N, C-alpha and C. Protein backbone atom coordinates (compact mmCIF):
# COMPACT_ATOMS: atom_id res chain seq x y z
N MET A 1 49.45 -107.54 -111.40
CA MET A 1 49.59 -108.50 -112.50
C MET A 1 49.60 -109.94 -111.99
N LYS A 2 50.22 -110.17 -110.85
CA LYS A 2 50.31 -111.53 -110.31
C LYS A 2 48.92 -112.06 -109.98
N ARG A 3 48.07 -111.21 -109.39
CA ARG A 3 46.72 -111.63 -109.04
C ARG A 3 45.89 -111.89 -110.31
N ILE A 4 46.03 -111.03 -111.29
CA ILE A 4 45.31 -111.22 -112.55
C ILE A 4 45.76 -112.51 -113.24
N PHE A 5 47.08 -112.76 -113.20
CA PHE A 5 47.63 -113.98 -113.79
C PHE A 5 47.08 -115.21 -113.11
N ASP A 6 47.02 -115.19 -111.76
CA ASP A 6 46.46 -116.33 -111.01
C ASP A 6 45.02 -116.62 -111.42
N LEU A 7 44.19 -115.58 -111.45
CA LEU A 7 42.78 -115.76 -111.78
C LEU A 7 42.61 -116.22 -113.22
N PHE A 8 43.41 -115.67 -114.13
CA PHE A 8 43.35 -116.06 -115.54
C PHE A 8 43.69 -117.53 -115.70
N LEU A 9 44.75 -117.97 -115.02
CA LEU A 9 45.19 -119.36 -115.14
C LEU A 9 44.16 -120.32 -114.56
N ILE A 10 43.55 -119.95 -113.44
CA ILE A 10 42.52 -120.80 -112.84
C ILE A 10 41.32 -120.91 -113.76
N CYS A 11 40.84 -119.79 -114.27
CA CYS A 11 39.69 -119.80 -115.19
C CYS A 11 39.99 -120.64 -116.42
N LEU A 12 41.23 -120.56 -116.91
CA LEU A 12 41.64 -121.32 -118.08
C LEU A 12 41.67 -122.82 -117.79
N SER A 13 41.91 -123.16 -116.52
CA SER A 13 42.08 -124.57 -116.14
C SER A 13 40.81 -125.21 -115.60
N LEU A 14 39.74 -124.44 -115.45
CA LEU A 14 38.53 -124.94 -114.79
C LEU A 14 37.96 -126.19 -115.46
N VAL A 15 37.98 -126.24 -116.79
CA VAL A 15 37.42 -127.38 -117.52
C VAL A 15 38.13 -128.67 -117.12
N VAL A 16 39.43 -128.57 -116.83
CA VAL A 16 40.20 -129.74 -116.40
C VAL A 16 40.12 -129.93 -114.89
N LEU A 17 40.20 -128.83 -114.14
CA LEU A 17 40.26 -128.90 -112.68
C LEU A 17 38.98 -129.46 -112.05
N ILE A 18 37.82 -129.02 -112.53
CA ILE A 18 36.56 -129.43 -111.90
C ILE A 18 36.34 -130.94 -111.99
N PRO A 19 36.48 -131.57 -113.18
CA PRO A 19 36.32 -133.04 -113.22
C PRO A 19 37.34 -133.77 -112.36
N ILE A 20 38.61 -133.31 -112.37
CA ILE A 20 39.64 -133.96 -111.56
C ILE A 20 39.31 -133.82 -110.08
N PHE A 21 38.83 -132.63 -109.68
CA PHE A 21 38.46 -132.39 -108.28
C PHE A 21 37.35 -133.36 -107.85
N ILE A 22 36.32 -133.48 -108.67
CA ILE A 22 35.18 -134.34 -108.33
C ILE A 22 35.60 -135.80 -108.24
N ILE A 23 36.35 -136.27 -109.24
CA ILE A 23 36.79 -137.67 -109.25
C ILE A 23 37.69 -137.96 -108.06
N THR A 24 38.64 -137.06 -107.78
CA THR A 24 39.56 -137.26 -106.66
C THR A 24 38.81 -137.27 -105.33
N ALA A 25 37.84 -136.37 -105.19
CA ALA A 25 37.05 -136.31 -103.95
C ALA A 25 36.30 -137.62 -103.72
N ILE A 26 35.74 -138.18 -104.78
CA ILE A 26 35.01 -139.46 -104.66
C ILE A 26 35.97 -140.58 -104.27
N MET A 27 37.15 -140.59 -104.88
CA MET A 27 38.15 -141.62 -104.58
C MET A 27 38.65 -141.51 -103.13
N VAL A 28 38.86 -140.29 -102.65
CA VAL A 28 39.27 -140.08 -101.26
C VAL A 28 38.20 -140.62 -100.31
N LEU A 29 36.95 -140.34 -100.63
CA LEU A 29 35.83 -140.80 -99.81
C LEU A 29 35.79 -142.32 -99.75
N ILE A 30 36.06 -142.97 -100.88
CA ILE A 30 36.02 -144.43 -100.94
C ILE A 30 37.21 -145.06 -100.24
N PHE A 31 38.41 -144.58 -100.52
CA PHE A 31 39.63 -145.25 -100.06
C PHE A 31 40.16 -144.75 -98.71
N ILE A 32 39.80 -143.52 -98.32
CA ILE A 32 40.31 -142.98 -97.05
C ILE A 32 39.18 -142.64 -96.09
N GLY A 33 38.10 -142.10 -96.61
CA GLY A 33 36.95 -141.78 -95.76
C GLY A 33 36.78 -140.29 -95.54
N ARG A 34 35.89 -139.94 -94.62
CA ARG A 34 35.62 -138.55 -94.30
C ARG A 34 36.55 -138.06 -93.21
N PRO A 35 36.81 -136.76 -93.16
CA PRO A 35 36.43 -135.74 -94.15
C PRO A 35 37.30 -135.85 -95.40
N VAL A 36 36.73 -135.54 -96.54
CA VAL A 36 37.46 -135.60 -97.80
C VAL A 36 38.53 -134.51 -97.85
N ILE A 37 38.17 -133.33 -97.35
CA ILE A 37 39.09 -132.18 -97.36
C ILE A 37 39.76 -132.02 -96.00
N PHE A 38 41.08 -131.94 -96.02
CA PHE A 38 41.87 -131.69 -94.82
C PHE A 38 42.11 -130.18 -94.74
N THR A 39 41.81 -129.59 -93.60
CA THR A 39 42.04 -128.15 -93.43
C THR A 39 43.02 -127.92 -92.29
N GLN A 40 43.82 -126.89 -92.44
CA GLN A 40 44.80 -126.56 -91.40
C GLN A 40 45.12 -125.07 -91.48
N ILE A 41 45.25 -124.43 -90.32
CA ILE A 41 45.60 -123.02 -90.29
C ILE A 41 47.10 -122.86 -90.59
N ARG A 42 47.40 -122.02 -91.56
CA ARG A 42 48.79 -121.75 -91.95
C ARG A 42 49.02 -120.24 -92.00
N PRO A 43 50.28 -119.80 -91.86
CA PRO A 43 50.57 -118.37 -91.97
C PRO A 43 50.67 -117.94 -93.43
N GLY A 44 50.01 -116.83 -93.77
CA GLY A 44 50.04 -116.31 -95.13
C GLY A 44 50.91 -115.07 -95.22
N LYS A 45 50.57 -114.21 -96.17
CA LYS A 45 51.32 -112.97 -96.35
C LYS A 45 51.27 -112.14 -95.07
N ASP A 46 52.38 -111.57 -94.69
CA ASP A 46 52.51 -110.77 -93.45
C ASP A 46 52.16 -111.59 -92.22
N ARG A 47 52.33 -112.92 -92.32
CA ARG A 47 52.11 -113.86 -91.21
C ARG A 47 50.65 -113.99 -90.80
N ARG A 48 49.73 -113.47 -91.63
CA ARG A 48 48.31 -113.57 -91.30
C ARG A 48 47.83 -115.01 -91.47
N PRO A 49 47.16 -115.58 -90.46
CA PRO A 49 46.70 -116.96 -90.56
C PRO A 49 45.51 -117.11 -91.52
N PHE A 50 45.49 -118.23 -92.22
CA PHE A 50 44.35 -118.56 -93.08
C PHE A 50 44.16 -120.07 -93.06
N LYS A 51 42.98 -120.51 -93.48
CA LYS A 51 42.67 -121.94 -93.48
C LYS A 51 43.01 -122.52 -94.86
N MET A 52 44.01 -123.40 -94.90
CA MET A 52 44.43 -124.01 -96.16
C MET A 52 43.70 -125.33 -96.38
N TYR A 53 43.33 -125.57 -97.63
CA TYR A 53 42.59 -126.78 -97.99
C TYR A 53 43.47 -127.74 -98.78
N LYS A 54 43.35 -129.04 -98.45
CA LYS A 54 44.03 -130.09 -99.21
C LYS A 54 43.14 -131.33 -99.20
N PHE A 55 43.34 -132.21 -100.17
CA PHE A 55 42.66 -133.50 -100.08
C PHE A 55 43.33 -134.32 -99.00
N ARG A 56 42.54 -135.02 -98.24
CA ARG A 56 43.05 -135.85 -97.15
C ARG A 56 43.87 -137.01 -97.73
N THR A 57 45.02 -137.29 -97.12
CA THR A 57 45.88 -138.39 -97.58
C THR A 57 46.15 -139.43 -96.49
N MET A 58 45.81 -139.11 -95.23
CA MET A 58 46.10 -140.02 -94.13
C MET A 58 44.83 -140.32 -93.33
N THR A 59 44.84 -141.45 -92.67
CA THR A 59 43.73 -141.81 -91.79
C THR A 59 43.89 -141.10 -90.45
N ASN A 60 42.90 -141.27 -89.58
CA ASN A 60 42.97 -140.66 -88.24
C ASN A 60 43.23 -141.72 -87.17
N GLU A 61 43.96 -142.77 -87.53
CA GLU A 61 44.23 -143.86 -86.59
C GLU A 61 45.05 -143.38 -85.39
N VAL A 62 44.66 -143.86 -84.21
CA VAL A 62 45.35 -143.50 -82.97
C VAL A 62 45.82 -144.76 -82.25
N ASP A 63 46.75 -144.57 -81.29
CA ASP A 63 47.21 -145.71 -80.50
C ASP A 63 46.29 -145.91 -79.30
N SER A 64 46.67 -146.80 -78.41
CA SER A 64 45.82 -147.12 -77.25
C SER A 64 45.63 -145.93 -76.32
N ALA A 65 46.53 -144.95 -76.40
CA ALA A 65 46.42 -143.76 -75.54
C ALA A 65 45.65 -142.63 -76.24
N GLY A 66 45.18 -142.91 -77.45
CA GLY A 66 44.42 -141.90 -78.17
C GLY A 66 45.27 -140.89 -78.91
N ILE A 67 46.57 -141.19 -79.05
CA ILE A 67 47.50 -140.30 -79.75
C ILE A 67 47.62 -140.74 -81.21
N LEU A 68 47.60 -139.80 -82.12
CA LEU A 68 47.73 -140.13 -83.54
C LEU A 68 48.98 -140.94 -83.81
N LEU A 69 48.84 -141.96 -84.65
CA LEU A 69 49.99 -142.76 -85.04
C LEU A 69 50.93 -141.92 -85.92
N PRO A 70 52.19 -142.31 -86.05
CA PRO A 70 53.13 -141.58 -86.93
C PRO A 70 52.59 -141.49 -88.36
N ASN A 71 53.00 -140.46 -89.07
CA ASN A 71 52.51 -140.24 -90.43
C ASN A 71 52.63 -141.46 -91.32
N GLU A 72 53.79 -142.15 -91.27
CA GLU A 72 54.01 -143.28 -92.18
C GLU A 72 53.04 -144.43 -91.92
N LYS A 73 52.50 -144.52 -90.70
CA LYS A 73 51.54 -145.58 -90.39
C LYS A 73 50.11 -145.18 -90.75
N ARG A 74 49.88 -143.88 -90.91
CA ARG A 74 48.54 -143.41 -91.27
C ARG A 74 48.40 -143.13 -92.76
N MET A 75 49.52 -143.08 -93.47
CA MET A 75 49.49 -142.82 -94.90
C MET A 75 48.96 -144.04 -95.64
N THR A 76 47.95 -143.85 -96.47
CA THR A 76 47.39 -144.94 -97.26
C THR A 76 48.08 -144.99 -98.62
N LYS A 77 47.91 -146.10 -99.33
CA LYS A 77 48.49 -146.22 -100.68
C LYS A 77 47.91 -145.16 -101.61
N PHE A 78 46.60 -144.94 -101.48
CA PHE A 78 45.98 -143.93 -102.33
C PHE A 78 46.45 -142.54 -101.92
N GLY A 79 46.62 -142.31 -100.63
CA GLY A 79 47.13 -141.03 -100.15
C GLY A 79 48.53 -140.77 -100.67
N SER A 80 49.36 -141.82 -100.70
CA SER A 80 50.71 -141.68 -101.23
C SER A 80 50.67 -141.33 -102.71
N PHE A 81 49.73 -141.94 -103.43
CA PHE A 81 49.57 -141.62 -104.85
C PHE A 81 49.18 -140.16 -105.03
N LEU A 82 48.27 -139.67 -104.18
CA LEU A 82 47.85 -138.27 -104.27
C LEU A 82 49.02 -137.33 -104.07
N ARG A 83 49.88 -137.65 -103.10
CA ARG A 83 51.03 -136.77 -102.82
C ARG A 83 52.06 -136.83 -103.94
N HIS A 84 52.30 -138.02 -104.47
CA HIS A 84 53.30 -138.16 -105.53
C HIS A 84 52.86 -137.49 -106.83
N THR A 85 51.57 -137.36 -107.03
CA THR A 85 51.05 -136.70 -108.23
C THR A 85 50.64 -135.26 -107.94
N SER A 86 50.75 -134.84 -106.67
CA SER A 86 50.34 -133.50 -106.21
C SER A 86 48.85 -133.25 -106.38
N LEU A 87 48.05 -134.29 -106.56
CA LEU A 87 46.60 -134.12 -106.67
C LEU A 87 46.01 -133.66 -105.34
N ASP A 88 46.70 -133.93 -104.23
CA ASP A 88 46.20 -133.48 -102.92
C ASP A 88 46.18 -131.97 -102.80
N GLU A 89 46.93 -131.28 -103.70
CA GLU A 89 47.02 -129.82 -103.64
C GLU A 89 45.87 -129.10 -104.35
N ILE A 90 45.06 -129.82 -105.12
CA ILE A 90 44.03 -129.18 -105.94
C ILE A 90 43.10 -128.26 -105.14
N PRO A 91 42.63 -128.66 -103.94
CA PRO A 91 41.75 -127.75 -103.19
C PRO A 91 42.36 -126.39 -102.85
N GLU A 92 43.70 -126.28 -102.92
CA GLU A 92 44.34 -125.00 -102.64
C GLU A 92 44.00 -123.93 -103.68
N PHE A 93 43.47 -124.36 -104.83
CA PHE A 93 43.04 -123.38 -105.82
C PHE A 93 41.90 -122.52 -105.27
N PHE A 94 41.13 -123.06 -104.31
CA PHE A 94 40.11 -122.25 -103.64
C PHE A 94 40.77 -121.16 -102.80
N ASN A 95 41.91 -121.47 -102.18
CA ASN A 95 42.66 -120.46 -101.44
C ASN A 95 43.17 -119.36 -102.36
N VAL A 96 43.55 -119.75 -103.59
CA VAL A 96 44.00 -118.77 -104.57
C VAL A 96 42.83 -117.87 -104.97
N LEU A 97 41.67 -118.46 -105.22
CA LEU A 97 40.49 -117.68 -105.58
C LEU A 97 40.12 -116.69 -104.48
N LYS A 98 40.32 -117.09 -103.22
CA LYS A 98 40.01 -116.22 -102.08
C LYS A 98 41.08 -115.16 -101.84
N GLY A 99 42.19 -115.23 -102.57
CA GLY A 99 43.25 -114.25 -102.39
C GLY A 99 44.17 -114.54 -101.23
N GLU A 100 44.09 -115.76 -100.65
CA GLU A 100 44.93 -116.13 -99.52
C GLU A 100 46.26 -116.74 -99.97
N MET A 101 46.26 -117.27 -101.20
CA MET A 101 47.46 -117.88 -101.76
C MET A 101 47.61 -117.43 -103.20
N SER A 102 48.78 -117.69 -103.74
CA SER A 102 49.04 -117.49 -105.17
C SER A 102 49.39 -118.86 -105.75
N ILE A 103 49.35 -118.98 -107.06
CA ILE A 103 49.77 -120.25 -107.66
C ILE A 103 51.25 -120.48 -107.39
N VAL A 104 52.04 -119.41 -107.44
CA VAL A 104 53.49 -119.52 -107.20
C VAL A 104 53.88 -118.66 -106.01
N GLY A 105 54.66 -119.24 -105.09
CA GLY A 105 55.13 -118.52 -103.92
C GLY A 105 55.72 -119.51 -102.94
N PRO A 106 56.32 -119.06 -101.86
CA PRO A 106 56.84 -119.99 -100.84
C PRO A 106 55.70 -120.82 -100.25
N ARG A 107 55.92 -122.11 -100.07
CA ARG A 107 54.89 -122.96 -99.50
C ARG A 107 54.56 -122.52 -98.08
N PRO A 108 53.26 -122.45 -97.71
CA PRO A 108 52.90 -122.07 -96.33
C PRO A 108 53.27 -123.19 -95.36
N LEU A 109 53.97 -122.84 -94.31
CA LEU A 109 54.43 -123.83 -93.33
C LEU A 109 53.48 -123.86 -92.13
N LEU A 110 53.90 -124.46 -91.03
CA LEU A 110 53.05 -124.59 -89.86
C LEU A 110 53.08 -123.33 -89.00
N MET A 111 51.96 -123.05 -88.33
CA MET A 111 51.87 -121.86 -87.49
C MET A 111 52.88 -121.89 -86.36
N ASP A 112 53.16 -123.08 -85.80
CA ASP A 112 54.07 -123.12 -84.65
C ASP A 112 55.53 -122.92 -85.05
N TYR A 113 55.82 -122.82 -86.37
CA TYR A 113 57.17 -122.50 -86.80
C TYR A 113 57.46 -121.00 -86.68
N LEU A 114 56.41 -120.18 -86.64
CA LEU A 114 56.60 -118.73 -86.66
C LEU A 114 57.53 -118.25 -85.56
N MET A 115 57.40 -118.81 -84.37
CA MET A 115 58.22 -118.37 -83.24
C MET A 115 59.68 -118.82 -83.38
N LEU A 116 59.95 -119.72 -84.35
CA LEU A 116 61.30 -120.23 -84.54
C LEU A 116 62.07 -119.51 -85.64
N PHE A 117 61.36 -118.74 -86.48
CA PHE A 117 62.00 -118.07 -87.61
C PHE A 117 62.85 -116.88 -87.16
N ASP A 118 63.98 -116.68 -87.82
CA ASP A 118 64.73 -115.45 -87.61
C ASP A 118 64.26 -114.42 -88.63
N ASP A 119 64.86 -113.23 -88.64
CA ASP A 119 64.41 -112.15 -89.52
C ASP A 119 64.52 -112.54 -90.99
N PHE A 120 65.59 -113.23 -91.35
CA PHE A 120 65.78 -113.66 -92.73
C PHE A 120 64.69 -114.63 -93.16
N GLN A 121 64.43 -115.63 -92.33
CA GLN A 121 63.42 -116.64 -92.66
C GLN A 121 62.02 -116.04 -92.71
N ASN A 122 61.76 -115.05 -91.88
CA ASN A 122 60.45 -114.40 -91.86
C ASN A 122 60.15 -113.65 -93.15
N ARG A 123 61.18 -113.34 -93.93
CA ARG A 123 60.96 -112.60 -95.17
C ARG A 123 60.13 -113.40 -96.19
N ARG A 124 60.03 -114.70 -95.99
CA ARG A 124 59.20 -115.53 -96.89
C ARG A 124 57.74 -115.10 -96.82
N HIS A 125 57.35 -114.37 -95.77
CA HIS A 125 55.97 -113.93 -95.62
C HIS A 125 55.72 -112.55 -96.23
N GLU A 126 56.69 -112.05 -96.99
CA GLU A 126 56.50 -110.76 -97.66
C GLU A 126 55.64 -110.89 -98.92
N VAL A 127 55.44 -112.13 -99.37
CA VAL A 127 54.59 -112.39 -100.53
C VAL A 127 53.55 -113.45 -100.16
N LEU A 128 52.54 -113.61 -101.00
CA LEU A 128 51.54 -114.65 -100.76
C LEU A 128 52.20 -116.02 -100.87
N PRO A 129 51.80 -116.96 -100.00
CA PRO A 129 52.31 -118.33 -100.15
C PRO A 129 51.76 -118.95 -101.43
N GLY A 130 52.41 -119.99 -101.92
CA GLY A 130 52.01 -120.56 -103.20
C GLY A 130 51.72 -122.05 -103.16
N ILE A 131 51.04 -122.52 -104.21
CA ILE A 131 50.81 -123.95 -104.39
C ILE A 131 52.12 -124.63 -104.80
N THR A 132 52.88 -123.93 -105.64
CA THR A 132 54.22 -124.38 -105.99
C THR A 132 55.16 -123.18 -105.84
N GLY A 133 56.45 -123.45 -105.93
CA GLY A 133 57.39 -122.34 -105.74
C GLY A 133 58.79 -122.68 -106.20
N TRP A 134 59.70 -121.73 -106.03
CA TRP A 134 61.08 -121.88 -106.44
C TRP A 134 61.75 -123.04 -105.69
N ALA A 135 61.46 -123.18 -104.41
CA ALA A 135 62.03 -124.29 -103.63
C ALA A 135 61.47 -125.63 -104.10
N GLN A 136 60.20 -125.64 -104.54
CA GLN A 136 59.57 -126.89 -104.97
C GLN A 136 60.20 -127.44 -106.24
N ILE A 137 60.63 -126.56 -107.15
CA ILE A 137 61.25 -127.06 -108.38
C ILE A 137 62.75 -127.23 -108.23
N ASN A 138 63.27 -126.89 -107.05
CA ASN A 138 64.71 -127.04 -106.80
C ASN A 138 64.97 -127.99 -105.64
N GLY A 139 64.11 -129.01 -105.51
CA GLY A 139 64.35 -130.02 -104.49
C GLY A 139 63.14 -130.43 -103.68
N ARG A 140 62.15 -129.52 -103.57
CA ARG A 140 60.92 -129.80 -102.81
C ARG A 140 61.27 -130.31 -101.41
N ASN A 141 60.87 -131.55 -101.08
CA ASN A 141 61.14 -132.09 -99.74
C ASN A 141 62.49 -132.77 -99.62
N ALA A 142 63.27 -132.78 -100.71
CA ALA A 142 64.55 -133.49 -100.70
C ALA A 142 65.72 -132.58 -100.38
N ILE A 143 65.45 -131.34 -99.94
CA ILE A 143 66.52 -130.41 -99.57
C ILE A 143 66.44 -130.08 -98.09
N THR A 144 67.47 -129.44 -97.56
CA THR A 144 67.48 -129.09 -96.15
C THR A 144 66.64 -127.84 -95.91
N TRP A 145 66.30 -127.60 -94.65
CA TRP A 145 65.54 -126.40 -94.31
C TRP A 145 66.32 -125.15 -94.69
N ASP A 146 67.62 -125.13 -94.45
CA ASP A 146 68.43 -123.95 -94.77
C ASP A 146 68.39 -123.65 -96.27
N GLU A 147 68.52 -124.69 -97.07
CA GLU A 147 68.45 -124.52 -98.53
C GLU A 147 67.08 -124.03 -98.95
N ARG A 148 66.06 -124.57 -98.32
CA ARG A 148 64.69 -124.18 -98.67
C ARG A 148 64.44 -122.70 -98.37
N PHE A 149 64.87 -122.23 -97.20
CA PHE A 149 64.67 -120.83 -96.86
C PHE A 149 65.42 -119.91 -97.81
N LYS A 150 66.64 -120.28 -98.18
CA LYS A 150 67.41 -119.46 -99.11
C LYS A 150 66.72 -119.36 -100.46
N LEU A 151 66.13 -120.46 -100.93
CA LEU A 151 65.41 -120.47 -102.19
C LEU A 151 64.14 -119.63 -102.09
N ASP A 152 63.44 -119.73 -100.95
CA ASP A 152 62.22 -118.94 -100.75
C ASP A 152 62.53 -117.44 -100.79
N ILE A 153 63.58 -117.03 -100.10
CA ILE A 153 63.91 -115.60 -100.05
C ILE A 153 64.44 -115.12 -101.40
N TRP A 154 65.12 -115.99 -102.12
CA TRP A 154 65.56 -115.62 -103.47
C TRP A 154 64.34 -115.31 -104.33
N TYR A 155 63.28 -116.12 -104.18
CA TYR A 155 62.05 -115.86 -104.94
C TYR A 155 61.42 -114.53 -104.52
N VAL A 156 61.37 -114.28 -103.23
CA VAL A 156 60.80 -113.02 -102.73
C VAL A 156 61.50 -111.83 -103.38
N ASP A 157 62.80 -111.90 -103.54
CA ASP A 157 63.59 -110.79 -104.07
C ASP A 157 63.58 -110.71 -105.60
N ASN A 158 63.21 -111.80 -106.26
CA ASN A 158 63.36 -111.84 -107.72
C ASN A 158 62.09 -112.21 -108.49
N HIS A 159 60.96 -112.36 -107.80
CA HIS A 159 59.77 -112.86 -108.50
C HIS A 159 59.26 -111.87 -109.55
N ASN A 160 58.81 -112.44 -110.65
CA ASN A 160 58.18 -111.70 -111.75
C ASN A 160 57.33 -112.69 -112.55
N LEU A 161 56.58 -112.19 -113.49
CA LEU A 161 55.64 -113.01 -114.24
C LEU A 161 56.34 -114.11 -115.03
N LEU A 162 57.44 -113.79 -115.67
CA LEU A 162 58.16 -114.79 -116.46
C LEU A 162 58.72 -115.90 -115.57
N LEU A 163 59.20 -115.51 -114.38
CA LEU A 163 59.71 -116.52 -113.45
C LEU A 163 58.59 -117.43 -112.99
N ASP A 164 57.41 -116.86 -112.71
CA ASP A 164 56.26 -117.66 -112.30
C ASP A 164 55.88 -118.67 -113.39
N ILE A 165 55.88 -118.23 -114.64
CA ILE A 165 55.55 -119.12 -115.76
C ILE A 165 56.56 -120.26 -115.83
N LYS A 166 57.84 -119.94 -115.65
CA LYS A 166 58.88 -120.97 -115.66
C LYS A 166 58.66 -121.97 -114.53
N ILE A 167 58.36 -121.48 -113.32
CA ILE A 167 58.15 -122.35 -112.17
C ILE A 167 56.97 -123.29 -112.40
N ILE A 168 55.88 -122.76 -112.95
CA ILE A 168 54.70 -123.59 -113.23
C ILE A 168 55.04 -124.67 -114.24
N TRP A 169 55.77 -124.30 -115.30
CA TRP A 169 56.14 -125.25 -116.34
C TRP A 169 57.03 -126.36 -115.79
N VAL A 170 58.05 -125.99 -115.02
CA VAL A 170 58.96 -126.99 -114.44
C VAL A 170 58.22 -127.86 -113.42
N THR A 171 57.27 -127.26 -112.68
CA THR A 171 56.48 -128.02 -111.71
C THR A 171 55.73 -129.16 -112.40
N VAL A 172 55.10 -128.86 -113.52
CA VAL A 172 54.35 -129.88 -114.27
C VAL A 172 55.27 -131.01 -114.70
N ILE A 173 56.46 -130.66 -115.19
CA ILE A 173 57.43 -131.67 -115.61
C ILE A 173 57.85 -132.55 -114.43
N LYS A 174 58.14 -131.91 -113.29
CA LYS A 174 58.60 -132.66 -112.12
C LYS A 174 57.50 -133.56 -111.53
N ILE A 175 56.24 -133.11 -111.64
CA ILE A 175 55.13 -133.95 -111.17
C ILE A 175 55.09 -135.24 -111.96
N PHE A 176 55.24 -135.14 -113.28
CA PHE A 176 55.22 -136.34 -114.13
C PHE A 176 56.44 -137.22 -113.87
N LYS A 177 57.58 -136.61 -113.52
CA LYS A 177 58.79 -137.37 -113.22
C LYS A 177 58.81 -137.85 -111.77
N ARG A 178 57.92 -137.26 -110.94
CA ARG A 178 57.84 -137.59 -109.50
C ARG A 178 59.17 -137.36 -108.81
N GLU A 179 59.74 -136.18 -108.99
CA GLU A 179 61.03 -135.84 -108.40
C GLU A 179 60.87 -135.04 -107.12
N GLY A 180 61.73 -135.33 -106.12
CA GLY A 180 61.83 -134.51 -104.92
C GLY A 180 60.61 -134.54 -104.02
N ILE A 181 59.82 -135.62 -104.07
CA ILE A 181 58.60 -135.67 -103.27
C ILE A 181 58.90 -135.83 -101.79
N ASN A 182 59.76 -136.77 -101.46
CA ASN A 182 60.04 -137.06 -100.06
C ASN A 182 61.47 -136.74 -99.68
N ASN A 183 61.72 -136.63 -98.39
CA ASN A 183 63.05 -136.35 -97.87
C ASN A 183 63.65 -137.64 -97.34
N LYS A 184 64.54 -138.26 -98.14
CA LYS A 184 65.25 -139.47 -97.74
C LYS A 184 64.29 -140.54 -97.23
N GLY A 185 63.23 -140.79 -97.99
CA GLY A 185 62.31 -141.85 -97.64
C GLY A 185 61.22 -141.47 -96.67
N GLU A 186 61.23 -140.26 -96.13
CA GLU A 186 60.21 -139.84 -95.19
C GLU A 186 58.97 -139.38 -95.94
N ILE A 187 57.81 -139.33 -95.22
CA ILE A 187 56.56 -138.90 -95.82
C ILE A 187 56.64 -137.43 -96.22
N ALA A 188 57.26 -136.63 -95.41
CA ALA A 188 57.37 -135.20 -95.69
C ALA A 188 58.68 -134.68 -95.09
N MET A 189 58.85 -133.35 -95.17
CA MET A 189 60.03 -132.74 -94.55
C MET A 189 60.02 -133.03 -93.05
N PRO A 190 61.20 -133.27 -92.46
CA PRO A 190 61.24 -133.36 -91.00
C PRO A 190 60.85 -132.02 -90.40
N ARG A 191 60.38 -132.03 -89.16
CA ARG A 191 59.95 -130.78 -88.52
C ARG A 191 61.11 -129.78 -88.43
N PHE A 192 60.77 -128.51 -88.62
CA PHE A 192 61.75 -127.45 -88.43
C PHE A 192 61.92 -127.21 -86.95
N GLU A 193 63.15 -127.31 -86.46
CA GLU A 193 63.42 -127.19 -85.02
C GLU A 193 64.08 -125.88 -84.65
N GLY A 194 64.13 -124.94 -85.58
CA GLY A 194 64.76 -123.67 -85.28
C GLY A 194 66.20 -123.64 -85.76
N ASN A 195 66.86 -122.54 -85.47
CA ASN A 195 68.23 -122.33 -85.92
C ASN A 195 69.21 -122.79 -84.85
N LYS A 196 69.52 -124.07 -84.87
CA LYS A 196 70.34 -124.66 -83.80
C LYS A 196 71.76 -124.11 -83.77
N ASN A 197 72.22 -123.63 -84.91
CA ASN A 197 73.61 -123.14 -84.99
C ASN A 197 73.72 -121.65 -84.69
N HIS A 198 72.58 -120.99 -84.41
CA HIS A 198 72.61 -119.54 -84.16
C HIS A 198 72.75 -119.26 -82.66
């Protein structure tokens, strides 16, 4: 049912999604440059790696040693707008069509976090990762890693179609209110460093 619901919702949204995708892609090309689409390998269901797609929000500026500048120095005004409106997430609908993601589920994190997860945290990979999720409507980047994992696992244990509909509805509201985008002024969540207290 979850897969059918994902495909139904995407097909229903195509009339809106396609024009927004094209316009956003053109704007990224003008204001940020190539490549328009940012790709990164992320862990999916059962920790299987997949290539996730997003609209690019940062430049590739480097320092004199050829090392990428910090995120806040590479983030453009237009890129910040994309993140605050979640328009940068639109290409992930292709991941949903490919069956690598769901519309609702725990957000896919970085591959190098896998070796840091304990058994409890690894349970987030029992379901497909999502474009939005229970943690996203309960704080997004404004909560701690511990809180985020607890919310992710709560979703794994309690997900159903009605809950997914609720999460999608609240996500839309929060996007318009621009709530929980950043963590205490940072561009994104601070890096997960493992379970220091364990």
